């Protein structure tokens, strides 16, 4: 059995064991959740040396027809995505224990089972060897995360989950599936290939049709949260904070941008994408999303809503970097999948820690909170610096490379977009830190205490934001191999 398939099956086995354990044995149930994350992380990490040496572990389960098969393959890009998701899933499982127990949430067995299955589908996307396999797991991820978004079972939660499903499943069925069918009809295959699968003759003879297919892909992967198909993400913030943290800062949204970059580089390829004008379309849409989402974030008083719009903006950094179609841009965009993940998950974990300890959800309520929750707010401040792109943080590393990509492309306008967005990021995150550290706390909050099970994971992820900025070698090595 190949290692990519093992990485996919481990969290699925964990989900089964979680379900069999049930509510009556909570400690054992949660042990299976953490154990699945640890084993999955070990399997993914074990593949890195082979891939860095030029290997590509793979397997084919079955073939439906020529060019359409259920197959998995590990390459540098897949490992970059899978490694971050696996490790952050493990940390968030620890966090979830403290969150769910502190708030005495209902349906915890369902929650932990769906959480593990979500990582199974994420691993399937990461190691998909073709569009057919990617589509199956991409859709399965939307379905399995629906109960997590609707977990609270309130009217607001059901409405948010309904919007989540309509946007993601609707875009995939109408746009993405159409693009896949058209691609197969033109090429006779759905296999990913370095440099793309469209022939030079097809590109020269049907550039208009290929541009339509490109646009269908671009918006069909609606988990990338490009405007105008972005509003599902803020709506999904009704989910419990660990769900928002992992699935909407790491797994779900990163599946969207990962799939988009797969399409850029391994379906169309840099040459075809440039010839049909796909790069221009992607750069325009990404730039608009970066700036508009940053402005919208400024107007949110709800902490998770502000972080959600920040995510919409930051995801488009990844798309913009890749759409530059040069080595620096692609490396920066690919690295930002991991670098943004560790920083944004920290911010969401901090939001959950604040809610569990104080039941506060609004930024206007956070005055003086750093005195009562020093670890949480310290981690929040460090992760905020990474999102802004302050040197020595992980966010700076990827944004620096994207900026170099704009210079290599000879586009000062795009460089201006990046700089303006960083200023806007400081404008919507800075006041939160200022309020927590420098404003006077309200009376009567002497009993506020941090939850150790929740603080430890967010401190680790905050430290990762710093360590990946100071020692970016592994991430940049894998990201540097993404460009065909």
Protein backbone atom coordinates (compact mmCIF):
# COMPACT_ATOMS: atom_id res chain seq x y z
CA UNK A 1 0.00 0.00 0.00
CA UNK A 2 1.42 3.39 -0.99
CA UNK A 3 2.08 6.15 1.52
CA UNK A 4 -0.37 8.67 -0.06
CA UNK A 5 -3.19 6.15 0.32
CA UNK A 6 -2.17 5.41 3.92
CA UNK A 7 -2.26 9.15 4.71
CA UNK A 8 -5.83 9.27 3.36
CA UNK A 9 -7.02 6.15 5.21
CA UNK A 10 -5.57 6.94 8.64
CA UNK A 11 -8.00 9.77 9.55
CA UNK A 12 -10.86 7.73 8.06
CA UNK A 13 -9.97 4.88 10.42
CA UNK A 14 -9.78 7.43 13.23
CA UNK A 15 -13.29 8.64 12.40
CA UNK A 16 -14.63 5.08 12.58
CA UNK A 17 -12.97 4.47 15.95
CA UNK A 18 -14.29 7.79 17.25
CA UNK A 19 -17.81 6.81 16.22
CA UNK A 20 -17.53 3.34 17.78
CA UNK A 21 -16.20 4.77 21.05
CA UNK A 22 -19.13 7.15 21.39
CA UNK A 23 -20.06 9.64 24.05
CA UNK A 24 -19.66 7.24 26.98
CA UNK A 25 -15.87 7.04 26.73
CA UNK A 26 -14.86 10.61 25.96
CA UNK A 27 -11.19 10.22 26.83
CA UNK A 28 -10.76 7.22 24.51
CA UNK A 29 -12.78 8.95 21.77
CA UNK A 30 -10.52 11.98 21.88
CA UNK A 31 -7.43 9.77 22.03
CA UNK A 32 -8.38 8.33 18.64
CA UNK A 33 -8.74 11.85 17.21
CA UNK A 34 -5.27 12.87 18.35
CA UNK A 35 -3.71 9.52 17.45
CA UNK A 36 -5.07 9.79 13.90
CA UNK A 37 -3.48 13.22 13.55
CA UNK A 38 -0.12 12.09 14.88
CA UNK A 39 0.05 9.01 12.62
CA UNK A 40 -1.17 10.96 9.59
CA UNK A 41 1.45 13.67 10.20
CA UNK A 42 4.18 11.05 10.52
CA UNK A 43 3.16 9.38 7.26
CA UNK A 44 3.13 12.68 5.38
CA UNK A 45 6.47 13.82 6.81
CA UNK A 46 8.05 10.45 5.98
CA UNK A 47 7.45 11.11 2.28
CA UNK A 48 9.33 14.43 2.20
CA UNK A 49 12.89 13.02 1.79
CA UNK A 50 11.80 10.78 -1.11
CA UNK A 51 10.05 13.63 -2.91
CA UNK A 52 12.95 16.03 -2.35
CA UNK A 53 15.19 13.37 -3.92
CA UNK A 54 12.97 13.32 -7.00
CA UNK A 55 10.65 10.45 -6.07
CA UNK A 56 6.86 10.45 -6.46
CA UNK A 57 5.01 7.76 -4.44
CA UNK A 58 1.79 6.86 -6.24
CA UNK A 59 -0.94 4.28 -6.73
CA UNK A 60 -3.95 3.63 -8.97
CA UNK A 61 -7.03 2.09 -7.34
CA UNK A 62 -9.16 1.63 -10.44
CA UNK A 63 -9.69 2.95 -13.97
CA UNK A 64 -13.16 3.91 -15.24
CA UNK A 65 -12.10 4.59 -18.82
CA UNK A 66 -8.99 5.82 -20.63
CA UNK A 67 -7.75 8.99 -18.95
CA UNK A 68 -10.17 8.73 -16.01
CA UNK A 69 -8.97 6.85 -12.93
CA UNK A 70 -8.96 7.03 -9.15
CA UNK A 71 -5.27 7.59 -8.51
CA UNK A 72 -3.01 9.24 -5.95
CA UNK A 73 0.47 10.70 -6.22
CA UNK A 74 2.68 12.61 -3.79
CA UNK A 75 4.67 15.52 -5.18
CA UNK A 76 6.24 18.59 -3.56
CA UNK A 77 3.09 20.71 -3.90
CA UNK A 78 0.85 18.03 -2.43
CA UNK A 79 3.21 17.43 0.48
CA UNK A 80 3.44 21.16 1.23
CA UNK A 81 -0.34 21.33 1.57
CA UNK A 82 -0.85 17.96 3.26
CA UNK A 83 1.94 18.47 5.78
CA UNK A 84 0.53 21.74 7.06
CA UNK A 85 -3.02 20.40 7.22
CA UNK A 86 -1.99 17.21 9.06
CA UNK A 87 0.10 18.95 11.73
CA UNK A 88 -2.43 21.71 12.31
CA UNK A 89 -5.23 19.13 12.54
CA UNK A 90 -3.35 17.42 15.38
CA UNK A 91 -2.91 20.68 17.31
CA UNK A 92 -6.53 21.68 16.73
CA UNK A 93 -7.70 18.29 18.03
CA UNK A 94 -6.01 19.12 21.37
CA UNK A 95 -7.62 22.55 21.25
CA UNK A 96 -11.04 21.07 20.45
CA UNK A 97 -10.97 18.97 23.61
CA UNK A 98 -10.63 22.05 25.79
CA UNK A 99 -13.15 24.05 23.74
CA UNK A 100 -15.86 21.39 23.57
CA UNK A 101 -15.54 20.42 27.23
CA UNK A 102 -15.32 23.96 28.58
CA UNK A 103 -18.47 25.01 26.70
CA UNK A 104 -20.16 21.62 27.28
CA UNK A 105 -21.04 21.37 23.59
CA UNK A 106 -23.53 18.77 22.41
CA UNK A 107 -22.97 16.04 19.76
CA UNK A 108 -19.25 15.82 20.44
CA UNK A 109 -18.90 12.34 18.91
CA UNK A 110 -20.41 13.58 15.63
CA UNK A 111 -18.14 16.61 15.80
CA UNK A 112 -14.89 14.65 16.23
CA UNK A 113 -15.92 12.06 13.61
CA UNK A 114 -16.69 14.68 10.97
CA UNK A 115 -13.51 16.55 11.91
CA UNK A 116 -11.42 13.47 11.14
CA UNK A 117 -13.31 12.69 7.91
CA UNK A 118 -12.71 16.27 6.76
CA UNK A 119 -8.98 15.58 6.94
CA UNK A 120 -9.43 12.36 4.98
CA UNK A 121 -10.98 14.31 2.13
CA UNK A 122 -8.32 17.03 2.43
CA UNK A 123 -5.57 14.42 2.08
CA UNK A 124 -7.43 13.05 -0.94
CA UNK A 125 -7.32 16.45 -2.62
CA UNK A 126 -3.65 16.96 -1.70
CA UNK A 127 -2.56 13.64 -3.23
CA UNK A 128 -5.01 13.47 -6.16
CA UNK A 129 -3.18 12.52 -9.35
CA UNK A 130 -5.89 13.86 -11.67
CA UNK A 131 -8.95 16.08 -11.89
CA UNK A 132 -11.37 13.16 -11.47
CA UNK A 133 -9.89 12.13 -8.11
CA UNK A 134 -9.57 15.74 -6.97
CA UNK A 135 -13.22 16.45 -7.82
CA UNK A 136 -14.48 13.45 -5.82
CA UNK A 137 -12.62 14.42 -2.66
CA UNK A 138 -13.24 18.14 -3.16
CA UNK A 139 -16.99 17.50 -3.21
CA UNK A 140 -16.80 15.04 -0.31
CA UNK A 141 -15.12 17.75 1.77
CA UNK A 142 -18.06 20.10 1.18
CA UNK A 143 -20.53 17.41 2.27
CA UNK A 144 -18.66 16.22 5.36
CA UNK A 145 -18.08 19.73 6.69
CA UNK A 146 -21.76 20.70 6.42
CA UNK A 147 -22.60 19.14 9.84
CA UNK A 148 -19.65 20.99 11.35
CA UNK A 149 -20.84 24.36 10.08
CA UNK A 150 -24.39 23.60 11.28
CA UNK A 151 -23.14 22.10 14.57
CA UNK A 152 -24.92 24.54 16.91
CA UNK A 153 -28.27 23.68 15.24
CA UNK A 154 -29.61 27.20 15.73
CA UNK A 155 -31.51 29.07 13.02
CA UNK A 156 -28.38 31.13 12.36
CA UNK A 157 -26.22 28.01 12.11
CA UNK A 158 -28.62 26.31 9.72
CA UNK A 159 -28.79 29.45 7.55
CA UNK A 160 -25.00 29.72 7.46
CA UNK A 161 -24.61 26.03 6.62
CA UNK A 162 -27.27 26.29 3.91
CA UNK A 163 -25.43 29.21 2.27
CA UNK A 164 -22.15 27.29 2.62
CA UNK A 165 -23.61 24.27 0.83
CA UNK A 166 -25.39 26.23 -1.91
CA UNK A 167 -22.29 28.21 -2.85
CA UNK A 168 -19.77 25.39 -2.73
CA UNK A 169 -21.85 22.53 -4.11
CA UNK A 170 -23.60 24.78 -6.62
CA UNK A 171 -20.37 26.21 -8.03
CA UNK A 172 -18.84 22.74 -8.26
CA UNK A 173 -21.83 21.20 -10.00
CA UNK A 174 -22.50 24.03 -12.45
CA UNK A 175 -19.04 25.49 -13.14
CA UNK A 176 -16.38 23.00 -12.08
CA UNK A 177 -17.98 19.89 -13.49
CA UNK A 178 -18.59 21.67 -16.80
CA UNK A 179 -14.93 22.67 -16.96
CA UNK A 180 -13.79 19.10 -16.26
CA UNK A 181 -16.06 17.63 -18.96
CA UNK A 182 -14.88 20.17 -21.53
CA UNK A 183 -11.25 19.52 -20.59
CA UNK A 184 -11.64 15.77 -21.07
CA UNK A 185 -13.35 16.25 -24.43
CA UNK A 186 -10.46 18.40 -25.66
CA UNK A 187 -7.57 16.36 -24.25
CA UNK A 188 -8.80 12.80 -23.66
CA UNK A 189 -7.24 12.80 -20.18
CA UNK A 190 -7.67 14.35 -16.73
CA UNK A 191 -4.19 13.52 -15.43
CA UNK A 192 -2.13 16.32 -13.96
CA UNK A 193 0.99 17.01 -15.99
CA UNK A 194 3.80 19.48 -15.42
CA UNK A 195 3.36 22.18 -18.06
CA UNK A 196 -0.32 21.39 -18.68
CA UNK A 197 -2.35 18.90 -20.71
CA UNK A 198 -3.65 21.11 -23.55
CA UNK A 199 -1.71 20.71 -26.77
CA UNK A 200 -0.14 23.69 -28.52
CA UNK A 201 -2.51 23.16 -31.45
CA UNK A 202 -5.57 23.36 -29.20
CA UNK A 203 -4.26 26.52 -27.55
CA UNK A 204 -3.64 28.23 -30.89
CA UNK A 205 -6.89 27.07 -32.52
CA UNK A 206 -9.36 27.57 -29.63
CA UNK A 207 -8.03 30.26 -27.28
CA UNK A 208 -11.52 31.62 -26.64
CA UNK A 209 -12.92 28.26 -25.56
CA UNK A 210 -9.92 27.61 -23.34
CA UNK A 211 -10.36 31.00 -21.66
CA UNK A 212 -14.00 30.10 -20.92
CA UNK A 213 -12.86 26.78 -19.43
CA UNK A 214 -10.24 28.61 -17.38
CA UNK A 215 -12.86 30.98 -15.95
CA UNK A 216 -15.17 28.05 -15.16
CA UNK A 217 -12.33 26.45 -13.20
CA UNK A 218 -11.35 29.70 -11.49
CA UNK A 219 -14.82 30.30 -10.03
CA UNK A 220 -15.84 26.62 -9.90
CA UNK A 221 -13.24 26.12 -7.17
CA UNK A 222 -15.36 28.45 -5.00
CA UNK A 223 -13.54 27.40 -1.84
CA UNK A 224 -10.83 29.85 -2.99
CA UNK A 225 -13.30 32.60 -1.93
CA UNK A 226 -12.68 34.84 -4.93
CA UNK A 227 -15.19 37.66 -5.20
CA UNK A 228 -18.06 37.60 -5.89
CA UNK A 229 -18.32 33.95 -4.73
CA UNK A 230 -16.90 34.66 -1.27
CA UNK A 231 -19.82 35.32 1.06
CA UNK A 232 -20.15 31.66 2.07
CA UNK A 233 -16.98 32.05 4.17
CA UNK A 234 -18.16 34.80 6.54
CA UNK A 235 -21.52 32.98 6.77
CA UNK A 236 -19.74 29.79 7.84
CA UNK A 237 -18.25 31.56 10.87
CA UNK A 238 -21.33 30.44 12.83
CA UNK A 239 -19.49 27.14 13.26
CA UNK A 240 -17.61 26.36 16.50
CA UNK A 241 -14.29 28.17 16.57
CA UNK A 242 -12.12 25.04 16.08
CA UNK A 243 -14.06 24.42 12.85
CA UNK A 244 -13.51 28.01 11.77
CA UNK A 245 -9.84 27.66 12.67
CA UNK A 246 -8.92 24.46 10.88
CA UNK A 247 -11.52 24.05 8.14
CA UNK A 248 -11.95 27.71 7.22
CA UNK A 249 -8.38 28.85 7.76
CA UNK A 250 -6.60 25.69 6.64
CA UNK A 251 -8.46 22.74 5.12
CA UNK A 252 -11.52 24.07 3.24
CA UNK A 253 -10.21 27.38 1.96
CA UNK A 254 -6.72 26.04 1.35
CA UNK A 255 -8.26 23.17 -0.62
CA UNK A 256 -9.78 25.86 -2.83
CA UNK A 257 -6.55 27.72 -3.53
CA UNK A 258 -4.53 24.49 -3.76
CA UNK A 259 -6.93 23.17 -6.41
CA UNK A 260 -6.80 26.49 -8.24
CA UNK A 261 -3.01 26.37 -8.37
CA UNK A 262 -3.15 22.75 -9.55
CA UNK A 263 -5.31 23.95 -12.42
CA UNK A 264 -2.98 26.87 -13.21
CA UNK A 265 0.20 24.82 -13.38
CA UNK A 266 -0.80 21.22 -14.10
CA UNK A 267 -3.92 21.51 -16.29
CA UNK A 268 -3.24 24.67 -18.33
CA UNK A 269 0.43 25.25 -17.60
CA UNK A 270 2.21 28.62 -17.65
CA UNK A 271 2.52 28.81 -21.45
CA UNK A 272 -1.11 28.07 -22.29
CA UNK A 273 -2.37 30.19 -19.40
CA UNK A 274 -0.37 33.16 -20.67
CA UNK A 275 -1.36 32.62 -24.32
CA UNK A 276 -5.12 32.64 -23.59
CA UNK A 277 -4.96 35.57 -21.15
CA UNK A 278 -5.87 33.49 -18.11
CA UNK A 279 -3.09 35.07 -16.09
CA UNK A 280 -4.53 38.54 -16.66
CA UNK A 281 -8.02 37.46 -15.59
CA UNK A 282 -6.68 35.79 -12.44
CA UNK A 283 -4.49 38.77 -11.51
CA UNK A 284 -7.36 41.23 -11.86
CA UNK A 285 -9.84 39.12 -9.87
CA UNK A 286 -7.27 38.38 -7.15
CA UNK A 287 -6.23 42.04 -6.84
CA UNK A 288 -9.83 43.20 -6.48
CA UNK A 289 -10.51 40.51 -3.88
CA UNK A 290 -7.38 41.40 -1.88
CA UNK A 291 -8.28 45.07 -1.60
CA UNK A 292 -12.08 44.91 -1.28
CA UNK A 293 -11.99 42.15 1.35
CA UNK A 294 -9.41 44.13 3.35
CA UNK A 295 -11.68 47.18 3.32
CA UNK A 296 -14.68 45.07 4.35
CA UNK A 297 -12.66 43.63 7.24
CA UNK A 298 -12.22 47.15 8.62
CA UNK A 299 -15.97 47.48 9.12
CA UNK A 300 -16.50 44.29 11.17
CA UNK A 301 -16.84 44.50 14.96
CA UNK A 302 -17.36 40.76 15.35
CA UNK A 303 -13.89 39.24 15.78
CA UNK A 304 -14.48 36.08 13.74
CA UNK A 305 -16.16 38.08 10.96
CA UNK A 306 -13.14 40.39 10.72
CA UNK A 307 -10.83 37.38 10.56
CA UNK A 308 -13.05 35.80 7.90
CA UNK A 309 -12.76 38.79 5.57
CA UNK A 310 -9.04 38.84 6.27
CA UNK A 311 -8.91 35.23 5.07
CA UNK A 312 -10.75 36.15 1.87
CA UNK A 313 -8.09 38.77 1.21
CA UNK A 314 -5.09 36.61 2.13
CA UNK A 315 -6.21 33.67 -0.01
CA UNK A 316 -5.96 35.85 -3.08
CA UNK A 317 -2.29 36.52 -2.31
CA UNK A 318 -1.76 32.85 -3.13
CA UNK A 319 -3.66 33.11 -6.40
CA UNK A 320 -1.97 36.36 -7.37
CA UNK A 321 1.48 34.92 -6.73
CA UNK A 322 0.83 31.84 -8.85
CA UNK A 323 -0.82 33.87 -11.63
CA UNK A 324 2.41 35.83 -12.07
CA UNK A 325 3.73 32.63 -13.71
CA UNK A 326 7.31 33.22 -12.65
CA UNK A 327 9.48 31.33 -10.18
CA UNK A 328 9.38 33.88 -7.36
CA UNK A 329 5.65 34.46 -7.59
CA UNK A 330 4.74 30.77 -7.69
CA UNK A 331 7.11 29.97 -4.83
CA UNK A 332 5.73 32.81 -2.72
CA UNK A 333 2.11 31.91 -3.46
CA UNK A 334 2.69 28.23 -2.72
CA UNK A 335 4.58 28.98 0.50
CA UNK A 336 1.76 31.28 1.62
CA UNK A 337 -0.55 28.24 1.76
CA UNK A 338 1.46 27.07 4.78
CA UNK A 339 2.64 30.40 6.15
CA UNK A 340 -0.80 31.97 6.18
CA UNK A 341 -2.28 28.77 7.65
CA UNK A 342 -0.17 28.78 10.80
CA UNK A 343 -0.82 32.48 11.38
CA UNK A 344 -4.53 32.55 10.65
CA UNK A 345 -5.28 29.40 12.61
CA UNK A 346 -3.57 31.09 15.57
CA UNK A 347 -5.90 34.09 15.28
CA UNK A 348 -8.97 31.86 15.16
CA UNK A 349 -7.75 29.77 18.09
CA UNK A 350 -7.25 32.98 20.04
CA UNK A 351 -10.80 34.05 19.20
CA UNK A 352 -12.06 30.73 20.54
CA UNK A 353 -9.96 31.06 23.69
CA UNK A 354 -11.41 34.51 24.30
CA UNK A 355 -14.95 33.22 23.81
CA UNK A 356 -14.47 30.20 26.07
CA UNK A 357 -13.03 32.33 28.89
CA UNK A 358 -15.16 35.48 28.58
CA UNK A 359 -18.02 34.72 26.14
CA UNK A 360 -17.05 37.88 24.28
CA UNK A 361 -17.31 37.94 20.49
CA UNK A 362 -17.02 41.64 19.60
CA UNK A 363 -13.78 43.59 19.18
CA UNK A 364 -15.28 46.53 21.09
CA UNK A 365 -15.48 44.27 24.18
CA UNK A 366 -11.77 43.39 24.32
CA UNK A 367 -10.39 46.40 26.23
CA UNK A 368 -7.58 45.43 28.59
CA UNK A 369 -7.95 41.74 27.91
CA UNK A 370 -4.19 41.16 27.66
CA UNK A 371 -3.86 41.55 31.43
CA UNK A 372 -6.26 38.65 31.99
CA UNK A 373 -5.26 36.50 29.01
CA UNK A 374 -1.56 37.23 28.37
CA UNK A 375 -0.74 34.04 26.45
CA UNK A 376 -3.76 34.33 24.17
CA UNK A 377 -3.21 37.98 23.33
CA UNK A 378 0.55 37.53 22.96
CA UNK A 379 -0.08 34.81 20.40
CA UNK A 380 -2.67 37.02 18.70
CA UNK A 381 -0.19 39.90 18.43
CA UNK A 382 2.54 37.68 16.94
CA UNK A 383 0.20 36.08 14.41
CA UNK A 384 -1.14 39.52 13.45
CA UNK A 385 2.39 40.66 12.64
CA UNK A 386 2.74 37.65 10.36
CA UNK A 387 -0.52 38.45 8.54
CA UNK A 388 0.69 42.03 8.03
CA UNK A 389 4.05 40.75 6.78
CA UNK A 390 6.47 42.02 9.42
CA UNK A 391 10.05 40.70 8.92
CA UNK A 392 11.08 37.52 10.79
CA UNK A 393 7.54 36.12 10.54
CA UNK A 394 6.29 33.48 8.12
CA UNK A 395 3.95 35.92 6.39
CA UNK A 396 6.87 38.15 5.47
CA UNK A 397 8.71 35.27 3.74
CA UNK A 398 5.91 34.42 1.35
CA UNK A 399 4.84 38.02 0.74
CA UNK A 400 8.45 39.01 0.04
CA UNK A 401 8.69 36.36 -2.66
CA UNK A 402 5.35 37.38 -4.17
CA UNK A 403 6.58 40.98 -4.22
CA UNK A 404 9.74 39.83 -6.01
CA UNK A 405 7.46 38.06 -8.49
CA UNK A 406 5.63 41.32 -9.25
CA UNK A 407 8.97 43.01 -9.92
CA UNK A 408 10.09 40.13 -12.16
CA UNK A 409 6.81 40.55 -14.05
CA UNK A 410 7.46 44.28 -14.39
CA UNK A 411 4.22 45.26 -12.63
CA UNK A 412 4.51 48.10 -10.09
CA UNK A 413 0.70 48.19 -9.94
CA UNK A 414 0.55 44.70 -8.47
CA UNK A 415 3.35 45.56 -6.07
CA UNK A 416 1.24 48.53 -4.99
CA UNK A 417 -1.71 46.20 -4.38
CA UNK A 418 0.44 44.10 -2.04
CA UNK A 419 1.78 47.11 -0.14
CA UNK A 420 -1.66 48.72 0.22
CA UNK A 421 -3.13 45.45 1.40
CA UNK A 422 -0.44 45.10 4.07
CA UNK A 423 -1.29 48.58 5.34
CA UNK A 424 -4.98 47.64 5.43
CA UNK A 425 -4.09 44.44 7.31
CA UNK A 426 -2.32 46.53 9.93
CA UNK A 427 -5.35 48.81 10.06
CA UNK A 428 -7.83 45.99 10.84
CA UNK A 429 -5.60 43.91 13.16
CA UNK A 430 -3.63 46.66 14.92
CA UNK A 431 -6.60 48.17 16.80
CA UNK A 432 -7.46 44.77 18.29
CA UNK A 433 -3.98 44.45 19.77
CA UNK A 434 -3.99 48.08 20.92
CA UNK A 435 -7.35 47.70 22.62
CA UNK A 436 -6.27 44.55 24.46
CA UNK A 437 -2.96 45.97 25.67
CA UNK A 438 -3.44 49.70 26.15
CA UNK A 439 -7.08 50.33 27.04
CA UNK A 440 -8.41 50.03 30.57
CA UNK A 441 -10.28 46.76 31.29
CA UNK A 442 -13.88 46.92 32.52
CA UNK A 443 -14.64 46.25 36.17
CA UNK A 444 -15.60 42.82 37.43
CA UNK A 445 -13.40 40.59 35.22
CA UNK A 446 -10.93 39.39 37.83
CA UNK A 447 -12.14 35.80 37.44
CA UNK A 448 -11.22 35.52 33.73
CA UNK A 449 -8.79 32.65 33.22
CA UNK A 450 -7.24 30.98 30.17
CA UNK A 451 -7.95 27.28 29.48
CA UNK A 452 -4.61 25.39 29.39
CA UNK A 453 -5.81 22.78 26.85
CA UNK A 454 -6.65 25.66 24.52
CA UNK A 455 -3.67 27.91 25.22
CA UNK A 456 -0.97 25.33 24.49
CA UNK A 457 -1.94 24.73 20.80
CA UNK A 458 -2.30 28.42 20.01
CA UNK A 459 1.09 29.20 21.56
CA UNK A 460 2.64 26.45 19.42
CA UNK A 461 1.06 27.74 16.21
CA UNK A 462 2.09 31.30 17.08
CA UNK A 463 5.65 30.11 17.63
CA UNK A 464 5.47 28.37 14.24
CA UNK A 465 4.64 31.74 12.64
CA UNK A 466 7.95 32.99 13.98
CA UNK A 467 10.03 29.85 13.37
CA UNK A 468 8.87 29.50 9.75
CA UNK A 469 9.89 33.12 9.25
CA UNK A 470 13.34 32.61 10.73
CA UNK A 471 13.93 29.13 9.29
CA UNK A 472 11.87 28.92 6.07
CA UNK A 473 14.07 26.27 4.42
CA UNK A 474 11.76 23.23 4.21
CA UNK A 475 8.70 25.24 3.15
CA UNK A 476 10.60 27.19 0.50
CA UNK A 477 12.34 24.04 -0.73
CA UNK A 478 9.01 22.34 -1.37
CA UNK A 479 7.41 25.53 -2.71
CA UNK A 480 10.34 26.07 -5.05
CA UNK A 481 9.63 22.73 -6.71
CA UNK A 482 6.01 23.55 -7.53
CA UNK A 483 6.75 25.48 -10.73
CA UNK A 484 6.86 22.90 -13.60
